[in-house]
Amino acid sequence: MRNYHFEEHHILLRDQVRRMVERHVAPIASEIDENNRFPQELVEIFGDMGLLQLWVPQEYGGPGGDLTSVCLVKEEIAKVSESAALLAANNSFGLILPILNFGSEEQKRHYLGLSAKGRTLTAVAITESGTGSDVSSMKTRAHRDGESWVINGAKIYITFGSVAHFVLVFARTSEGKGANGISAFLVDTKSKGFSHGPEDRKMGIRGVPNVPIYLDDVRVPAENMIGPEGQAFKTCMRILDLNRPTVGATAVGLAQGAIDQATAFARQRIQFGRPIAEFQGIQFMLADMQMQTEAARCLLYDCTRMADRQDWDGFSAKASMVKCFASDTAMKVTTDAVQVFGGAGYMRDFPVERYMRDAKINQIFEGTNQIQRLVIARHMLHG
């Protein structure tokens, strides 16, 4: 992989993560999937390397990573395991970015300092039964009671919901048109009335616990509201924009991992007396897979450079392009990798079938790719 616009510290981080992945992630990647096991041991490894808390600024005790750093880390890890890649920078969307962008100085000192220790896991609770892309139909409610807010409701498909220390919960605090009237609260999962249900049975990203969560008169201190009351969805759009390229990075890593597996297999698989890599049909498939992935990678790191330079003009649309194009690419590339393997690719003895199962979720979460296309088209038509 060429170095694009990477600075020296980006290259050093990438190479460090690559060595860690080979030593700690690759040996357990298949087992995590097979046993649907949350790899608790990686929390300590990632935390000690600064990978969980990558976005915490140095002034609060963190590594001070930028978007390029986060995406490089996720790409490298996803080459062998998307489940492990999702754990890296886990607390960015649920804690670090909301507080960094919209929190008070007191919130920053407390929560960013806590995150900087590299052991804090978080989750984000937006989705409800019947409320996916249509956030305006949210049923979870919060009402003010003295110096606290009391939250009641239920959320579904909450990634890391059963292992998180804090959950960023979105709840309606007043009636309003569309997403107006929705606020965000940082909820300690040890709070009375907070609980979660059994783990969802998923197609892919096994080892990443997804659960429903329940909030039954959960009392949250008023200072745990993040951002202005009733404006959470609007203020968090910037955070979604920053997080979407990280989904693209995971998808790029997944696609590259599938290509590497398919290329190695094509070299050693003998049919009609020679390796199938010598057949033009296979060569064309591999070439298309690499072209599509390289295009996604170029788009990804062009986008991260915009963010790192604080160039926000058109960034939201570019972030949607990255998420959409890279995840569509990963789905196609991993499917083609299975095809290169033939019947063997359909078997769980080889990782490409896991890559194909994992790829699908990237087209769905953090806003479906249909929503991404709406964002892109609106930017084209209305600026």
Protein backbone atom coordinates (compact mmCIF):
# COMPACT_ATOMS: atom_id res chain seq x y z
CA MET A 1 0.00 0.00 0.00
CA ARG A 2 1.47 3.35 -0.98
CA ASN A 3 1.73 5.98 1.71
CA TYR A 4 -0.71 8.56 0.24
CA HIS A 5 -0.37 11.73 2.33
CA PHE A 6 0.59 9.87 5.51
CA GLU A 7 2.96 11.57 7.89
CA GLU A 8 5.75 9.65 9.57
CA HIS A 9 3.74 9.07 12.74
CA HIS A 10 0.92 7.56 10.68
CA ILE A 11 3.31 5.09 9.05
CA LEU A 12 4.88 4.17 12.39
CA LEU A 13 1.42 3.58 13.89
CA ARG A 14 0.31 1.48 10.91
CA ASP A 15 3.39 -0.72 11.10
CA GLN A 16 3.07 -1.10 14.86
CA VAL A 17 -0.56 -2.17 14.52
CA ARG A 18 0.31 -4.55 11.69
CA ARG A 19 2.79 -6.36 13.96
CA MET A 20 0.27 -6.47 16.81
CA VAL A 21 -2.40 -7.90 14.52
CA GLU A 22 -0.09 -10.68 13.36
CA ARG A 23 0.78 -11.58 16.93
CA HIS A 24 -2.49 -11.12 18.83
CA VAL A 25 -5.48 -10.89 16.45
CA ALA A 26 -4.81 -13.23 13.53
CA PRO A 27 -4.35 -16.34 15.73
CA ILE A 28 -7.79 -15.91 17.36
CA ALA A 29 -9.82 -14.37 14.50
CA SER A 30 -11.50 -17.61 13.42
CA GLU A 31 -12.09 -18.74 17.01
CA ILE A 32 -13.82 -15.46 17.90
CA ASP A 33 -16.26 -16.06 15.04
CA GLU A 34 -16.70 -19.77 15.66
CA ASN A 35 -17.50 -19.37 19.36
CA ASN A 36 -19.14 -15.94 19.12
CA ARG A 37 -16.75 -14.87 21.89
CA PHE A 38 -16.10 -11.28 22.90
CA PRO A 39 -12.27 -11.04 22.94
CA GLN A 40 -11.85 -9.42 26.35
CA GLU A 41 -8.09 -9.91 26.19
CA LEU A 42 -7.88 -7.47 23.28
CA VAL A 43 -9.31 -4.66 25.42
CA GLU A 44 -6.12 -4.57 27.48
CA ILE A 45 -3.86 -4.99 24.44
CA PHE A 46 -5.62 -2.25 22.47
CA GLY A 47 -5.82 0.01 25.53
CA ASP A 48 -2.12 -0.31 26.29
CA MET A 49 -1.35 0.66 22.69
CA GLY A 50 -3.71 3.64 22.82
CA LEU A 51 -6.04 2.14 20.23
CA LEU A 52 -9.24 2.23 22.29
CA GLN A 53 -8.74 5.87 23.24
CA LEU A 54 -7.04 6.98 20.03
CA TRP A 55 -9.06 10.17 19.63
CA VAL A 56 -8.48 11.52 23.16
CA PRO A 57 -6.36 14.70 22.88
CA GLN A 58 -2.97 14.76 24.52
CA GLU A 59 -4.06 17.55 26.86
CA TYR A 60 -6.45 15.07 28.48
CA GLY A 61 -3.89 12.28 28.66
CA GLY A 62 -4.68 10.53 25.35
CA PRO A 63 -2.65 9.74 22.21
CA GLY A 64 -4.10 12.69 20.29
CA GLY A 65 -4.85 10.67 17.17
CA ASP A 66 -6.63 12.10 14.13
CA LEU A 67 -9.14 10.58 11.72
CA THR A 68 -6.37 9.22 9.50
CA SER A 69 -4.87 7.41 12.49
CA VAL A 70 -8.20 5.85 13.46
CA CYS A 71 -8.86 4.68 9.89
CA LEU A 72 -5.37 3.23 9.46
CA VAL A 73 -5.81 1.21 12.66
CA LYS A 74 -9.23 -0.09 11.67
CA GLU A 75 -8.08 -0.99 8.15
CA GLU A 76 -5.10 -3.00 9.41
CA ILE A 77 -7.12 -4.93 12.00
CA ALA A 78 -10.03 -5.59 9.62
CA LYS A 79 -7.71 -7.38 7.21
CA VAL A 80 -7.96 -10.36 9.56
CA SER A 81 -11.01 -9.61 11.73
CA GLU A 82 -13.79 -7.05 11.41
CA SER A 83 -15.00 -7.99 14.88
CA ALA A 84 -11.66 -6.96 16.37
CA ALA A 85 -11.56 -3.83 14.19
CA LEU A 86 -14.88 -2.68 15.64
CA LEU A 87 -13.34 -2.79 19.10
CA ALA A 88 -10.58 -0.35 18.12
CA ALA A 89 -11.55 3.26 18.92
CA ASN A 90 -14.77 1.77 20.33
CA ASN A 91 -15.44 4.73 22.59
CA SER A 92 -15.12 7.40 19.88
CA PHE A 93 -18.78 7.73 18.87
CA GLY A 94 -20.25 6.86 22.26
CA LEU A 95 -18.13 9.14 24.41
CA ILE A 96 -14.99 10.85 23.10
CA LEU A 97 -16.33 12.67 20.03
CA PRO A 98 -19.62 13.85 21.60
CA ILE A 99 -17.84 15.25 24.64
CA LEU A 100 -14.93 16.63 22.63
CA ASN A 101 -17.29 18.50 20.31
CA PHE A 102 -20.23 19.37 22.56
CA GLY A 103 -19.24 18.67 26.16
CA SER A 104 -18.45 21.11 28.94
CA GLU A 105 -14.91 21.52 30.18
CA GLU A 106 -15.86 19.62 33.32
CA GLN A 107 -17.18 16.72 31.20
CA LYS A 108 -14.01 16.75 29.13
CA ARG A 109 -11.71 16.61 32.14
CA HIS A 110 -13.65 13.77 33.75
CA TYR A 111 -14.69 11.53 30.87
CA LEU A 112 -11.81 12.10 28.48
CA GLY A 113 -9.41 11.55 31.37
CA LEU A 114 -11.21 8.31 32.15
CA SER A 115 -11.15 7.20 28.52
CA ALA A 116 -7.45 8.00 28.27
CA LYS A 117 -6.72 5.08 30.61
CA GLY A 118 -7.65 2.70 27.79
CA ARG A 119 -10.18 0.46 29.51
CA THR A 120 -13.50 2.25 28.94
CA LEU A 121 -15.99 0.66 26.53
CA THR A 122 -19.05 2.47 25.24
CA ALA A 123 -22.15 1.97 23.13
CA VAL A 124 -24.62 4.22 21.30
CA ALA A 125 -28.37 3.70 21.69
CA ILE A 126 -30.46 5.25 18.94
CA THR A 127 -32.28 2.42 17.15
CA GLU A 128 -35.64 1.18 18.43
CA SER A 129 -38.16 -1.35 17.23
CA GLY A 130 -39.81 0.46 14.34
CA THR A 131 -37.29 3.31 14.52
CA GLY A 132 -34.28 2.87 12.29
CA SER A 133 -33.55 5.58 9.73
CA ASP A 134 -36.74 7.37 10.86
CA VAL A 135 -35.40 8.89 14.07
CA SER A 136 -38.43 11.18 14.41
CA SER A 137 -40.55 8.21 15.51
CA MET A 138 -38.38 7.56 18.59
CA LYS A 139 -40.44 6.37 21.58
CA THR A 140 -37.85 6.57 24.38
CA ARG A 141 -38.68 9.51 26.64
CA ALA A 142 -36.81 11.51 29.28
CA HIS A 143 -38.38 13.98 31.69
CA ARG A 144 -36.74 16.43 34.04
CA ASP A 145 -37.05 15.74 37.76
CA GLY A 146 -35.12 18.25 39.84
CA GLU A 147 -31.41 17.89 39.16
CA SER A 148 -31.90 14.69 37.15
CA TRP A 149 -33.47 13.35 34.01
CA VAL A 150 -35.50 10.15 34.20
CA ILE A 151 -35.38 7.96 31.09
CA ASN A 152 -37.84 5.26 30.03
CA GLY A 153 -37.72 3.21 26.86
CA ALA A 154 -36.06 0.37 24.99
CA LYS A 155 -33.42 0.21 22.27
CA ILE A 156 -32.42 -2.64 19.96
CA TYR A 157 -29.29 -3.85 18.14
CA ILE A 158 -26.99 -2.01 20.54
CA THR A 159 -23.42 -2.87 19.60
CA PHE A 160 -21.27 -3.62 22.68
CA GLY A 161 -24.36 -2.91 24.81
CA SER A 162 -23.68 -5.80 27.19
CA VAL A 163 -20.02 -4.92 27.85
CA ALA A 164 -20.14 -1.10 27.75
CA HIS A 165 -19.40 1.01 30.80
CA PHE A 166 -21.35 3.95 29.36
CA VAL A 167 -24.10 4.20 26.76
CA LEU A 168 -24.95 7.36 24.86
CA VAL A 169 -28.75 7.21 24.92
CA PHE A 170 -30.92 9.31 22.64
CA ALA A 171 -34.35 10.14 24.04
CA ARG A 172 -37.13 12.58 23.29
CA THR A 173 -37.27 15.36 25.89
CA SER A 174 -39.94 17.44 24.17
CA GLU A 175 -42.27 17.14 21.24
CA GLY A 176 -40.99 18.64 18.04
CA LYS A 177 -41.06 18.27 14.30
CA GLY A 178 -38.76 15.57 12.94
CA ALA A 179 -35.66 15.10 15.06
CA ASN A 180 -36.25 18.30 17.05
CA GLY A 181 -36.79 17.63 20.73
CA ILE A 182 -34.35 14.71 20.96
CA SER A 183 -31.56 14.91 23.54
CA ALA A 184 -28.54 12.73 24.31
CA PHE A 185 -27.50 11.43 27.72
CA LEU A 186 -24.39 9.62 28.87
CA VAL A 187 -25.74 6.75 30.98
CA ASP A 188 -23.63 4.67 33.35
CA THR A 189 -24.62 1.05 32.75
CA LYS A 190 -24.47 0.42 36.50
CA SER A 191 -27.42 2.79 36.95
CA LYS A 192 -30.53 1.41 38.63
CA GLY A 193 -33.16 0.49 36.03
CA PHE A 194 -30.64 -0.08 33.23
CA SER A 195 -30.57 -3.64 31.86
CA HIS A 196 -29.98 -5.54 28.65
CA GLY A 197 -31.52 -8.58 27.02
CA PRO A 198 -29.94 -11.68 25.47
CA GLU A 199 -27.43 -11.30 22.68
CA ASP A 200 -28.80 -11.06 19.14
CA ARG A 201 -28.05 -13.97 16.81
CA LYS A 202 -26.26 -12.35 13.88
CA MET A 203 -25.06 -13.33 10.42
CA GLY A 204 -21.66 -11.77 10.90
CA ILE A 205 -19.42 -9.73 13.22
CA ARG A 206 -19.74 -12.56 15.70
CA GLY A 207 -17.87 -11.87 18.90
CA VAL A 208 -19.27 -8.32 18.88
CA PRO A 209 -22.19 -8.43 21.32
CA ASN A 210 -25.38 -6.76 20.11
CA VAL A 211 -28.24 -6.65 22.60
CA PRO A 212 -31.50 -4.86 23.31
CA ILE A 213 -31.28 -2.48 26.26
CA TYR A 214 -34.03 -1.40 28.61
CA LEU A 215 -34.35 1.82 30.58
CA ASP A 216 -36.84 1.65 33.41
CA ASP A 217 -36.93 4.96 35.31
CA VAL A 218 -33.18 5.35 34.85
CA ARG A 219 -32.14 8.50 36.70
CA VAL A 220 -29.32 10.45 35.07
CA PRO A 221 -27.71 13.60 36.52
CA ALA A 222 -28.60 16.71 34.53
CA GLU A 223 -24.91 17.32 33.82
CA ASN A 224 -24.84 14.04 31.84
CA MET A 225 -26.79 15.60 29.00
CA ILE A 226 -24.46 16.05 26.03
CA GLY A 227 -24.99 19.21 24.02
CA PRO A 228 -28.06 21.49 24.03
CA GLU A 229 -31.41 20.09 25.11
CA GLY A 230 -33.56 18.96 22.20
CA GLN A 231 -30.79 19.36 19.62
CA ALA A 232 -28.88 16.10 20.05
CA PHE A 233 -29.57 14.65 16.65
CA LYS A 234 -28.50 17.79 14.84
CA THR A 235 -25.37 18.29 16.91
CA CYS A 236 -24.43 14.64 16.55
CA MET A 237 -24.54 14.75 12.76
CA ARG A 238 -20.92 15.96 12.79
CA ILE A 239 -20.01 12.95 14.92
CA LEU A 240 -21.77 10.61 12.49
CA ASP A 241 -19.88 12.28 9.67
CA LEU A 242 -16.57 11.63 11.45
CA ASN A 243 -17.50 8.04 12.23
CA ARG A 244 -18.65 7.04 8.75
CA PRO A 245 -15.14 7.06 7.24
CA THR A 246 -14.10 4.62 9.98
CA VAL A 247 -16.74 2.22 8.65
CA GLY A 248 -15.22 2.75 5.21
CA ALA A 249 -11.79 1.94 6.61
CA THR A 250 -13.05 -1.30 8.12
CA ALA A 251 -14.63 -2.20 4.77
CA VAL A 252 -11.40 -1.44 2.90
CA GLY A 253 -9.42 -3.63 5.29
CA LEU A 254 -11.94 -6.44 4.96
CA ALA A 255 -11.79 -6.25 1.16
CA GLN A 256 -7.99 -6.23 1.14
CA GLY A 257 -7.89 -9.21 3.48
CA ALA A 258 -10.20 -11.12 1.14
CA ILE A 259 -8.04 -10.21 -1.86
CA ASP A 260 -4.89 -11.41 -0.10
CA GLN A 261 -6.55 -14.71 0.75
CA ALA A 262 -7.93 -15.19 -2.78
CA THR A 263 -4.60 -14.35 -4.43
CA ALA A 264 -2.69 -16.81 -2.25
CA PHE A 265 -5.27 -19.53 -2.92
CA ALA A 266 -5.22 -18.92 -6.69
CA ARG A 267 -1.47 -19.40 -6.74
CA GLN A 268 -1.57 -22.82 -5.06
CA ARG A 269 -4.90 -24.26 -6.32
CA ILE A 270 -4.17 -26.62 -9.24
CA GLN A 271 -6.77 -27.31 -11.92
CA PHE A 272 -6.15 -28.76 -15.38
CA GLY A 273 -2.52 -29.17 -14.47
CA ARG A 274 -1.68 -25.60 -13.50
CA PRO A 275 -2.48 -22.98 -10.82
CA ILE A 276 -5.81 -21.28 -11.39
CA ALA A 277 -3.96 -17.95 -11.10
CA GLU A 278 -2.71 -18.60 -14.62
CA PHE A 279 -6.25 -18.55 -16.02
CA GLN A 280 -7.31 -15.23 -17.47
CA GLY A 281 -10.79 -15.45 -15.94
CA ILE A 282 -9.32 -15.58 -12.44
CA GLN A 283 -6.78 -12.85 -13.24
CA PHE A 284 -9.55 -10.52 -14.39
CA MET A 285 -11.50 -11.14 -11.15
CA LEU A 286 -8.47 -10.45 -8.99
CA ALA A 287 -7.62 -7.30 -10.97
CA ASP A 288 -11.15 -5.94 -10.61
CA MET A 289 -11.14 -6.70 -6.88
CA GLN A 290 -7.89 -4.80 -6.37
CA MET A 291 -8.93 -1.85 -8.54
CA GLN A 292 -12.20 -1.41 -6.67
CA THR A 293 -10.49 -1.65 -3.29
CA GLU A 294 -7.73 0.78 -4.22
CA ALA A 295 -10.36 3.27 -5.44
CA ALA A 296 -12.16 2.96 -2.11
CA ARG A 297 -8.88 3.45 -0.24
CA CYS A 298 -8.03 6.59 -2.21
CA LEU A 299 -11.48 8.03 -1.49
CA LEU A 300 -11.12 7.12 2.19
CA TYR A 301 -7.81 8.86 2.83
CA ASP A 302 -8.76 11.88 0.75
CA CYS A 303 -11.71 12.22 3.14
CA THR A 304 -9.59 11.78 6.29
CA ARG A 305 -7.19 14.44 5.04
CA MET A 306 -10.11 16.88 4.78
CA ALA A 307 -11.07 16.24 8.40
CA ASP A 308 -7.52 16.41 9.71
CA ARG A 309 -7.10 19.78 7.99
CA GLN A 310 -10.48 20.96 9.33
CA ASP A 311 -11.76 21.41 5.80
CA TRP A 312 -15.48 20.91 6.41
CA ASP A 313 -16.79 22.23 3.09
CA GLY A 314 -18.50 19.21 1.52
CA PHE A 315 -17.11 16.86 4.17
CA SER A 316 -20.49 15.37 5.10
CA ALA A 317 -21.14 14.27 1.52
CA LYS A 318 -17.57 12.97 1.16
CA ALA A 319 -17.96 10.92 4.37
CA SER A 320 -21.15 9.39 3.00
CA MET A 321 -19.39 8.58 -0.28
CA VAL A 322 -16.62 6.79 1.61
CA LYS A 323 -18.97 4.77 3.77
CA CYS A 324 -21.23 3.84 0.86
CA PHE A 325 -18.63 3.10 -1.80
CA ALA A 326 -16.23 1.24 0.47
CA SER A 327 -18.91 -0.97 2.00
CA ASP A 328 -20.45 -1.77 -1.40
CA THR A 329 -16.94 -2.59 -2.60
CA ALA A 330 -16.27 -4.87 0.38
CA MET A 331 -19.50 -6.76 -0.25
CA LYS A 332 -18.62 -7.34 -3.91
CA VAL A 333 -14.96 -8.13 -3.30
CA THR A 334 -15.62 -10.63 -0.52
CA THR A 335 -18.30 -12.32 -2.63
CA ASP A 336 -15.83 -12.58 -5.51
CA ALA A 337 -13.19 -13.96 -3.15
CA VAL A 338 -15.55 -16.80 -2.24
CA GLN A 339 -16.03 -17.41 -5.97
CA VAL A 340 -12.27 -17.63 -6.53
CA PHE A 341 -12.11 -20.30 -3.84
CA GLY A 342 -14.98 -22.18 -5.49
CA GLY A 343 -16.62 -24.80 -3.30
CA ALA A 344 -13.89 -24.40 -0.69
CA GLY A 345 -14.85 -20.77 -0.25
CA TYR A 346 -18.29 -21.78 0.95
CA MET A 347 -16.77 -23.83 3.73
CA ARG A 348 -15.91 -22.45 7.16
CA ASP A 349 -12.42 -23.91 6.86
CA PHE A 350 -11.35 -20.74 5.02
CA PRO A 351 -11.78 -17.14 6.25
CA VAL A 352 -13.35 -15.73 3.08
CA GLU A 353 -16.82 -16.97 3.99
CA ARG A 354 -16.47 -15.08 7.31
CA TYR A 355 -15.31 -11.98 5.42
CA MET A 356 -18.39 -12.19 3.20
CA ARG A 357 -20.73 -12.52 6.19
CA ASP A 358 -19.02 -9.65 7.99
CA ALA A 359 -19.06 -7.36 4.95
CA LYS A 360 -22.84 -7.06 4.84
CA ILE A 361 -23.25 -5.09 8.06
CA ASN A 362 -21.14 -2.23 6.73
CA GLN A 363 -23.86 -1.50 4.17
CA ILE A 364 -26.43 -1.23 6.97
CA PHE A 365 -25.16 0.38 10.16
CA GLU A 366 -24.09 4.02 10.67
CA GLY A 367 -26.86 4.87 8.21
CA THR A 368 -27.85 2.49 5.44
CA ASN A 369 -26.25 3.00 2.05
CA GLN A 370 -29.60 4.20 0.77
CA ILE A 371 -29.46 7.01 3.35
CA GLN A 372 -25.87 7.77 2.29
CA ARG A 373 -27.02 8.17 -1.30
CA LEU A 374 -29.71 10.62 -0.13
CA VAL A 375 -27.05 12.67 1.69
CA ILE A 376 -24.84 12.71 -1.41
CA ALA A 377 -27.68 13.62 -3.77
CA ARG A 378 -28.93 16.45 -1.51
CA HIS A 379 -25.42 17.90 -1.42
CA MET A 380 -25.26 17.74 -5.22
CA LEU A 381 -28.65 19.36 -5.69
CA HIS A 382 -28.72 21.88 -2.86
CA GLY A 383 -25.08 22.35 -1.82
